[in-house]
């Protein structure tokens, strides 16, 4: 596994890091791609956001609301799985 060292840089009111083009190519990322960022076990995990194509007739706004409800009640849904 290759390792790269980068410095955290101030960008406007935020902070960021640059990523080498060869690293982006390895994981299939390009300028303008959306990424997901999460903290897991004290580490930052960065991954390319999956593009989902909704079936015809399914509204994107409905899916956003559904995702919010699922996140809000995640613990309850997981509890139902074991019943």
PDB file of N, CA and C in Angstrom:
ATOM      1  N   UNK A   1       0.847  -1.184   0.000  1.00  0.00           N
ATOM      2  CA  UNK A   1       0.000   0.000   0.000  1.00  0.00           C
ATOM      3  C   UNK A   1       0.888   1.241   0.000  1.00  0.00           C
ATOM      4  N   UNK A   2       0.653   2.114  -0.970  1.00  0.00           N
ATOM      5  CA  UNK A   2       1.419   3.360  -1.029  1.00  0.00           C
ATOM      6  C   UNK A   2       0.951   4.308   0.060  1.00  0.00           C
ATOM      7  N   UNK A   3       1.872   5.118   0.548  1.00  0.00           N
ATOM      8  CA  UNK A   3       1.515   6.130   1.529  1.00  0.00           C
ATOM      9  C   UNK A   3       1.956   7.486   1.010  1.00  0.00           C
ATOM     10  N   UNK A   4       1.135   8.492   1.277  1.00  0.00           N
ATOM     11  CA  UNK A   4       1.435   9.860   0.882  1.00  0.00           C
ATOM     12  C   UNK A   4       1.330  10.732   2.115  1.00  0.00           C
ATOM     13  N   UNK A   5       2.223  11.677   2.243  1.00  0.00           N
ATOM     14  CA  UNK A   5       2.131  12.648   3.333  1.00  0.00           C
ATOM     15  C   UNK A   5       1.639  13.956   2.757  1.00  0.00           C
ATOM     16  N   UNK A   6       0.690  14.567   3.410  1.00  0.00           N
ATOM     17  CA  UNK A   6       0.123  15.838   2.980  1.00  0.00           C
ATOM     18  C   UNK A   6      -0.030  16.747   4.180  1.00  0.00           C
ATOM     19  N   UNK A   7      -0.077  18.048   3.938  1.00  0.00           N
ATOM     20  CA  UNK A   7      -0.324  19.026   4.994  1.00  0.00           C
ATOM     21  C   UNK A   7      -1.769  19.506   4.899  1.00  0.00           C
ATOM     22  N   UNK A   8      -2.354  19.758   6.055  1.00  0.00           N
ATOM     23  CA  UNK A   8      -3.685  20.352   6.097  1.00  0.00           C
ATOM     24  C   UNK A   8      -3.519  21.840   5.786  1.00  0.00           C
ATOM     25  N   UNK A   9      -4.304  22.327   4.831  1.00  0.00           N
ATOM     26  CA  UNK A   9      -4.177  23.694   4.344  1.00  0.00           C
ATOM     27  C   UNK A   9      -5.474  24.464   4.584  1.00  0.00           C
ATOM     28  N   UNK A  10      -5.358  25.740   4.901  1.00  0.00           N
ATOM     29  CA  UNK A  10      -6.551  26.581   5.059  1.00  0.00           C
ATOM     30  C   UNK A  10      -7.075  26.955   3.683  1.00  0.00           C
ATOM     31  N   UNK A  11      -8.367  26.723   3.479  1.00  0.00           N
ATOM     32  CA  UNK A  11      -9.041  27.064   2.224  1.00  0.00           C
ATOM     33  C   UNK A  11     -10.286  27.866   2.603  1.00  0.00           C
ATOM     34  N   UNK A  12     -10.215  29.181   2.486  1.00  0.00           N
ATOM     35  CA  UNK A  12     -11.335  30.024   2.918  1.00  0.00           C
ATOM     36  C   UNK A  12     -11.538  29.874   4.408  1.00  0.00           C
ATOM     37  N   UNK A  13     -12.776  29.543   4.811  1.00  0.00           N
ATOM     38  CA  UNK A  13     -13.089  29.331   6.226  1.00  0.00           C
ATOM     39  C   UNK A  13     -12.967  27.865   6.629  1.00  0.00           C
ATOM     40  N   UNK A  14     -12.489  27.028   5.726  1.00  0.00           N
ATOM     41  CA  UNK A  14     -12.367  25.592   5.981  1.00  0.00           C
ATOM     42  C   UNK A  14     -10.912  25.160   5.867  1.00  0.00           C
ATOM     43  N   UNK A  15     -10.702  23.867   5.995  1.00  0.00           N
ATOM     44  CA  UNK A  15      -9.385  23.280   5.821  1.00  0.00           C
ATOM     45  C   UNK A  15      -9.492  22.135   4.833  1.00  0.00           C
ATOM     46  N   UNK A  16      -8.398  21.819   4.156  1.00  0.00           N
ATOM     47  CA  UNK A  16      -8.419  20.729   3.194  1.00  0.00           C
ATOM     48  C   UNK A  16      -7.036  20.170   2.975  1.00  0.00           C
ATOM     49  N   UNK A  17      -6.995  19.115   2.185  1.00  0.00           N
ATOM     50  CA  UNK A  17      -5.731  18.518   1.764  1.00  0.00           C
ATOM     51  C   UNK A  17      -5.792  18.302   0.263  1.00  0.00           C
ATOM     52  N   UNK A  18      -4.629  18.266  -0.378  1.00  0.00           N
ATOM     53  CA  UNK A  18      -4.584  17.940  -1.796  1.00  0.00           C
ATOM     54  C   UNK A  18      -4.267  16.456  -1.924  1.00  0.00           C
ATOM     55  N   UNK A  19      -4.720  15.868  -3.023  1.00  0.00           N
ATOM     56  CA  UNK A  19      -4.459  14.455  -3.270  1.00  0.00           C
ATOM     57  C   UNK A  19      -3.743  14.309  -4.605  1.00  0.00           C
ATOM     58  N   UNK A  20      -2.699  13.512  -4.654  1.00  0.00           N
ATOM     59  CA  UNK A  20      -1.962  13.328  -5.900  1.00  0.00           C
ATOM     60  C   UNK A  20      -2.840  12.669  -6.970  1.00  0.00           C
ATOM     61  N   UNK A  21      -2.661  13.077  -8.216  1.00  0.00           N
ATOM     62  CA  UNK A  21      -3.464  12.566  -9.323  1.00  0.00           C
ATOM     63  C   UNK A  21      -3.345  11.047  -9.442  1.00  0.00           C
ATOM     64  N   UNK A  22      -2.143  10.503  -9.190  1.00  0.00           N
ATOM     65  CA  UNK A  22      -1.977   9.049  -9.309  1.00  0.00           C
ATOM     66  C   UNK A  22      -2.817   8.301  -8.271  1.00  0.00           C
ATOM     67  N   UNK A  23      -3.004   8.901  -7.088  1.00  0.00           N
ATOM     68  CA  UNK A  23      -3.851   8.301  -6.067  1.00  0.00           C
ATOM     69  C   UNK A  23      -5.311   8.330  -6.517  1.00  0.00           C
ATOM     70  N   UNK A  24      -5.750   9.468  -7.060  1.00  0.00           N
ATOM     71  CA  UNK A  24      -7.126   9.591  -7.537  1.00  0.00           C
ATOM     72  C   UNK A  24      -7.411   8.583  -8.644  1.00  0.00           C
ATOM     73  N   UNK A  25      -6.465   8.410  -9.549  1.00  0.00           N
ATOM     74  CA  UNK A  25      -6.646   7.443 -10.643  1.00  0.00           C
ATOM     75  C   UNK A  25      -6.799   6.029 -10.103  1.00  0.00           C
ATOM     76  N   UNK A  26      -6.037   5.679  -9.067  1.00  0.00           N
ATOM     77  CA  UNK A  26      -6.100   4.334  -8.491  1.00  0.00           C
ATOM     78  C   UNK A  26      -7.479   3.992  -7.956  1.00  0.00           C
ATOM     79  N   UNK A  27      -8.187   5.008  -7.449  1.00  0.00           N
ATOM     80  CA  UNK A  27      -9.497   4.749  -6.845  1.00  0.00           C
ATOM     81  C   UNK A  27     -10.653   5.239  -7.715  1.00  0.00           C
ATOM     82  N   UNK A  28     -10.336   5.715  -8.914  1.00  0.00           N
ATOM     83  CA  UNK A  28     -11.386   6.115  -9.851  1.00  0.00           C
ATOM     84  C   UNK A  28     -12.060   7.427  -9.513  1.00  0.00           C
ATOM     85  N   UNK A  29     -11.324   8.350  -8.915  1.00  0.00           N
ATOM     86  CA  UNK A  29     -11.869   9.676  -8.593  1.00  0.00           C
ATOM     87  C   UNK A  29     -11.332  10.715  -9.567  1.00  0.00           C
ATOM     88  N   UNK A  30     -12.155  11.712  -9.844  1.00  0.00           N
ATOM     89  CA  UNK A  30     -11.748  12.807 -10.711  1.00  0.00           C
ATOM     90  C   UNK A  30     -12.316  14.108 -10.155  1.00  0.00           C
ATOM     91  N   UNK A  31     -11.808  15.214 -10.663  1.00  0.00           N
ATOM     92  CA  UNK A  31     -12.288  16.525 -10.217  1.00  0.00           C
ATOM     93  C   UNK A  31     -13.799  16.596 -10.395  1.00  0.00           C
ATOM     94  N   UNK A  32     -14.485  17.066  -9.361  1.00  0.00           N
ATOM     95  CA  UNK A  32     -15.940  17.226  -9.417  1.00  0.00           C
ATOM     96  C   UNK A  32     -16.718  16.044  -8.866  1.00  0.00           C
ATOM     97  N   UNK A  33     -16.052  14.896  -8.646  1.00  0.00           N
ATOM     98  CA  UNK A  33     -16.744  13.736  -8.077  1.00  0.00           C
ATOM     99  C   UNK A  33     -17.159  14.024  -6.648  1.00  0.00           C
ATOM    100  N   UNK A  34     -18.281  13.454  -6.237  1.00  0.00           N
ATOM    101  CA  UNK A  34     -18.723  13.544  -4.851  1.00  0.00           C
ATOM    102  C   UNK A  34     -18.063  12.436  -4.049  1.00  0.00           C
ATOM    103  N   UNK A  35     -17.691  12.738  -2.808  1.00  0.00           N
ATOM    104  CA  UNK A  35     -17.107  11.748  -1.918  1.00  0.00           C
ATOM    105  C   UNK A  35     -17.882  11.731  -0.607  1.00  0.00           C
ATOM    106  N   UNK A  36     -17.792  10.607   0.090  1.00  0.00           N
ATOM    107  CA  UNK A  36     -18.360  10.491   1.426  1.00  0.00           C
ATOM    108  C   UNK A  36     -17.204  10.474   2.408  1.00  0.00           C
ATOM    109  N   UNK A  37     -17.355  11.187   3.507  1.00  0.00           N
ATOM    110  CA  UNK A  37     -16.315  11.259   4.529  1.00  0.00           C
ATOM    111  C   UNK A  37     -16.936  10.816   5.844  1.00  0.00           C
ATOM    112  N   UNK A  38     -16.257   9.884   6.526  1.00  0.00           N
ATOM    113  CA  UNK A  38     -16.734   9.456   7.837  1.00  0.00           C
ATOM    114  C   UNK A  38     -15.546   9.240   8.767  1.00  0.00           C
ATOM    115  N   UNK A  39     -15.813   9.282  10.042  1.00  0.00           N
ATOM    116  CA  UNK A  39     -14.794   8.983  11.039  1.00  0.00           C
ATOM    117  C   UNK A  39     -15.107   7.601  11.575  1.00  0.00           C
ATOM    118  N   UNK A  40     -14.119   6.698  11.486  1.00  0.00           N
ATOM    119  CA  UNK A  40     -14.308   5.318  11.932  1.00  0.00           C
ATOM    120  C   UNK A  40     -13.083   4.905  12.732  1.00  0.00           C
ATOM    121  N   UNK A  41     -13.303   4.547  13.967  1.00  0.00           N
ATOM    122  CA  UNK A  41     -12.215   4.139  14.862  1.00  0.00           C
ATOM    123  C   UNK A  41     -11.114   5.193  14.923  1.00  0.00           C
ATOM    124  N   UNK A  42     -11.502   6.457  14.968  1.00  0.00           N
ATOM    125  CA  UNK A  42     -10.543   7.545  15.087  1.00  0.00           C
ATOM    126  C   UNK A  42      -9.795   7.871  13.810  1.00  0.00           C
ATOM    127  N   UNK A  43     -10.227   7.300  12.682  1.00  0.00           N
ATOM    128  CA  UNK A  43      -9.582   7.564  11.395  1.00  0.00           C
ATOM    129  C   UNK A  43     -10.580   8.164  10.421  1.00  0.00           C
ATOM    130  N   UNK A  44     -10.080   8.994   9.511  1.00  0.00           N
ATOM    131  CA  UNK A  44     -10.925   9.576   8.478  1.00  0.00           C
ATOM    132  C   UNK A  44     -10.973   8.612   7.301  1.00  0.00           C
ATOM    133  N   UNK A  45     -12.183   8.233   6.901  1.00  0.00           N
ATOM    134  CA  UNK A  45     -12.374   7.339   5.764  1.00  0.00           C
ATOM    135  C   UNK A  45     -13.034   8.142   4.654  1.00  0.00           C
ATOM    136  N   UNK A  46     -12.401   8.135   3.504  1.00  0.00           N
ATOM    137  CA  UNK A  46     -12.870   8.902   2.344  1.00  0.00           C
ATOM    138  C   UNK A  46     -13.163   7.911   1.231  1.00  0.00           C
ATOM    139  N   UNK A  47     -14.376   7.971   0.662  1.00  0.00           N
ATOM    140  CA  UNK A  47     -14.709   7.063  -0.440  1.00  0.00           C
ATOM    141  C   UNK A  47     -15.574   7.764  -1.468  1.00  0.00           C
ATOM    142  N   UNK A  48     -15.486   7.292  -2.690  1.00  0.00           N
ATOM    143  CA  UNK A  48     -16.280   7.851  -3.777  1.00  0.00           C
ATOM    144  C   UNK A  48     -17.751   7.559  -3.496  1.00  0.00           C
ATOM    145  N   UNK A  49     -18.571   8.584  -3.648  1.00  0.00           N
ATOM    146  CA  UNK A  49     -19.998   8.426  -3.424  1.00  0.00           C
ATOM    147  C   UNK A  49     -20.594   7.647  -4.586  1.00  0.00           C
ATOM    148  N   UNK A  50     -21.380   6.637  -4.258  1.00  0.00           N
ATOM    149  CA  UNK A  50     -22.030   5.837  -5.284  1.00  0.00           C
ATOM    150  C   UNK A  50     -23.159   6.634  -5.923  1.00  0.00           C
ATOM    151  N   UNK A  51     -23.198   6.607  -7.235  1.00  0.00           N
ATOM    152  CA  UNK A  51     -24.277   7.266  -7.963  1.00  0.00           C
ATOM    153  C   UNK A  51     -25.414   6.263  -8.131  1.00  0.00           C
ATOM    154  N   UNK A  52     -26.576   6.616  -7.647  1.00  0.00           N
ATOM    155  CA  UNK A  52     -27.728   5.719  -7.705  1.00  0.00           C
ATOM    156  C   UNK A  52     -28.734   6.280  -8.700  1.00  0.00           C
ATOM    157  N   UNK A  53     -29.152   5.440  -9.609  1.00  0.00           N
ATOM    158  CA  UNK A  53     -30.180   5.821 -10.568  1.00  0.00           C
ATOM    159  C   UNK A  53     -31.507   5.262 -10.076  1.00  0.00           C
ATOM    160  N   UNK A  54     -32.455   6.161  -9.856  1.00  0.00           N
ATOM    161  CA  UNK A  54     -33.755   5.739  -9.353  1.00  0.00           C
ATOM    162  C   UNK A  54     -34.601   5.173 -10.483  1.00  0.00           C
ATOM    163  N   UNK A  55     -35.429   4.182 -10.168  1.00  0.00           N
ATOM    164  CA  UNK A  55     -36.334   3.649 -11.187  1.00  0.00           C
ATOM    165  C   UNK A  55     -37.319   4.731 -11.649  1.00  0.00           C
ATOM    166  N   UNK A  56     -37.820   4.564 -12.836  1.00  0.00           N
ATOM    167  CA  UNK A  56     -38.783   5.533 -13.381  1.00  0.00           C
ATOM    168  C   UNK A  56     -39.989   5.629 -12.453  1.00  0.00           C
ATOM    169  N   UNK A  57     -40.401   6.846 -12.167  1.00  0.00           N
ATOM    170  CA  UNK A  57     -41.558   7.074 -11.315  1.00  0.00           C
ATOM    171  C   UNK A  57     -41.221   7.254  -9.843  1.00  0.00           C
ATOM    172  N   UNK A  58     -39.973   7.025  -9.453  1.00  0.00           N
ATOM    173  CA  UNK A  58     -39.570   7.214  -8.054  1.00  0.00           C
ATOM    174  C   UNK A  58     -38.935   8.597  -7.935  1.00  0.00           C
ATOM    175  N   UNK A  59     -39.521   9.416  -7.081  1.00  0.00           N
ATOM    176  CA  UNK A  59     -39.104  10.804  -6.923  1.00  0.00           C
ATOM    177  C   UNK A  59     -37.877  10.910  -6.011  1.00  0.00           C
ATOM    178  N   UNK A  60     -36.887  11.685  -6.427  1.00  0.00           N
ATOM    179  CA  UNK A  60     -35.659  11.865  -5.641  1.00  0.00           C
ATOM    180  C   UNK A  60     -35.959  12.508  -4.287  1.00  0.00           C
ATOM    181  N   UNK A  61     -36.894  13.443  -4.246  1.00  0.00           N
ATOM    182  CA  UNK A  61     -37.244  14.104  -2.979  1.00  0.00           C
ATOM    183  C   UNK A  61     -37.840  13.092  -1.994  1.00  0.00           C
ATOM    184  N   UNK A  62     -38.673  12.174  -2.501  1.00  0.00           N
ATOM    185  CA  UNK A  62     -39.233  11.122  -1.656  1.00  0.00           C
ATOM    186  C   UNK A  62     -38.118  10.271  -1.063  1.00  0.00           C
ATOM    187  N   UNK A  63     -37.126   9.923  -1.888  1.00  0.00           N
ATOM    188  CA  UNK A  63     -36.019   9.102  -1.411  1.00  0.00           C
ATOM    189  C   UNK A  63     -35.203   9.828  -0.346  1.00  0.00           C
ATOM    190  N   UNK A  64     -35.023  11.140  -0.506  1.00  0.00           N
ATOM    191  CA  UNK A  64     -34.318  11.929   0.508  1.00  0.00           C
ATOM    192  C   UNK A  64     -35.059  11.898   1.837  1.00  0.00           C
ATOM    193  N   UNK A  65     -36.381  12.053   1.787  1.00  0.00           N
ATOM    194  CA  UNK A  65     -37.200  12.021   3.002  1.00  0.00           C
ATOM    195  C   UNK A  65     -37.138  10.630   3.633  1.00  0.00           C
ATOM    196  N   UNK A  66     -37.234   9.594   2.800  1.00  0.00           N
ATOM    197  CA  UNK A  66     -37.157   8.224   3.295  1.00  0.00           C
ATOM    198  C   UNK A  66     -35.820   7.961   3.982  1.00  0.00           C
ATOM    199  N   UNK A  67     -34.736   8.422   3.387  1.00  0.00           N
ATOM    200  CA  UNK A  67     -33.408   8.256   3.998  1.00  0.00           C
ATOM    201  C   UNK A  67     -33.322   8.962   5.341  1.00  0.00           C
ATOM    202  N   UNK A  68     -33.906  10.162   5.441  1.00  0.00           N
ATOM    203  CA  UNK A  68     -33.912  10.891   6.713  1.00  0.00           C
ATOM    204  C   UNK A  68     -34.663  10.104   7.790  1.00  0.00           C
ATOM    205  N   UNK A  69     -35.807   9.529   7.419  1.00  0.00           N
ATOM    206  CA  UNK A  69     -36.604   8.747   8.372  1.00  0.00           C
ATOM    207  C   UNK A  69     -35.826   7.510   8.819  1.00  0.00           C
ATOM    208  N   UNK A  70     -35.177   6.844   7.874  1.00  0.00           N
ATOM    209  CA  UNK A  70     -34.399   5.647   8.209  1.00  0.00           C
ATOM    210  C   UNK A  70     -33.263   6.003   9.165  1.00  0.00           C
ATOM    211  N   UNK A  71     -32.567   7.104   8.898  1.00  0.00           N
ATOM    212  CA  UNK A  71     -31.475   7.521   9.784  1.00  0.00           C
ATOM    213  C   UNK A  71     -32.000   7.860  11.177  1.00  0.00           C
ATOM    214  N   UNK A  72     -33.139   8.545  11.222  1.00  0.00           N
ATOM    215  CA  UNK A  72     -33.706   8.970  12.501  1.00  0.00           C
ATOM    216  C   UNK A  72     -34.122   7.771  13.354  1.00  0.00           C
ATOM    217  N   UNK A  73     -34.611   6.714  12.719  1.00  0.00           N
ATOM    218  CA  UNK A  73     -35.127   5.558  13.450  1.00  0.00           C
ATOM    219  C   UNK A  73     -34.254   4.312  13.257  1.00  0.00           C
ATOM    220  N   UNK A  74     -32.997   4.520  12.953  1.00  0.00           N
ATOM    221  CA  UNK A  74     -32.075   3.423  12.654  1.00  0.00           C
ATOM    222  C   UNK A  74     -32.025   2.383  13.774  1.00  0.00           C
ATOM    223  N   UNK A  75     -31.943   2.837  15.008  1.00  0.00           N
ATOM    224  CA  UNK A  75     -31.839   1.910  16.143  1.00  0.00           C
ATOM    225  C   UNK A  75     -33.089   1.030  16.236  1.00  0.00           C
ATOM    226  N   UNK A  76     -34.246   1.618  16.041  1.00  0.00           N
ATOM    227  CA  UNK A  76     -35.493   0.851  16.108  1.00  0.00           C
ATOM    228  C   UNK A  76     -35.561  -0.167  14.979  1.00  0.00           C
ATOM    229  N   UNK A  77     -35.193   0.230  13.764  1.00  0.00           N
ATOM    230  CA  UNK A  77     -35.212  -0.700  12.634  1.00  0.00           C
ATOM    231  C   UNK A  77     -34.262  -1.870  12.867  1.00  0.00           C
ATOM    232  N   UNK A  78     -33.069  -1.583  13.384  1.00  0.00           N
ATOM    233  CA  UNK A  78     -32.102  -2.653  13.650  1.00  0.00           C
ATOM    234  C   UNK A  78     -32.634  -3.601  14.734  1.00  0.00           C
ATOM    235  N   UNK A  79     -33.366  -3.058  15.703  1.00  0.00           N
ATOM    236  CA  UNK A  79     -33.966  -3.893  16.734  1.00  0.00           C
ATOM    237  C   UNK A  79     -35.015  -4.819  16.187  1.00  0.00           C
ATOM    238  N   UNK A  80     -35.747  -4.392  15.163  1.00  0.00           N
ATOM    239  CA  UNK A  80     -36.776  -5.227  14.549  1.00  0.00           C
ATOM    240  C   UNK A  80     -36.188  -6.399  13.775  1.00  0.00           C
ATOM    241  N   UNK A  81     -34.976  -6.231  13.276  1.00  0.00           N
ATOM    242  CA  UNK A  81     -34.328  -7.287  12.484  1.00  0.00           C
ATOM    243  C   UNK A  81     -34.153  -8.549  13.315  1.00  0.00           C
ATOM    244  N   UNK A  82     -33.882  -8.388  14.583  1.00  0.00           N
ATOM    245  CA  UNK A  82     -33.601  -9.531  15.444  1.00  0.00           C
ATOM    246  C   UNK A  82     -34.867 -10.167  16.018  1.00  0.00           C
ATOM    247  N   UNK A  83     -36.034  -9.721  15.639  1.00  0.00           N
ATOM    248  CA  UNK A  83     -37.297 -10.284  16.181  1.00  0.00           C
ATOM    249  C   UNK A  83     -37.850 -11.337  15.295  1.00  0.00           C
TER     250      UNK A  83
END
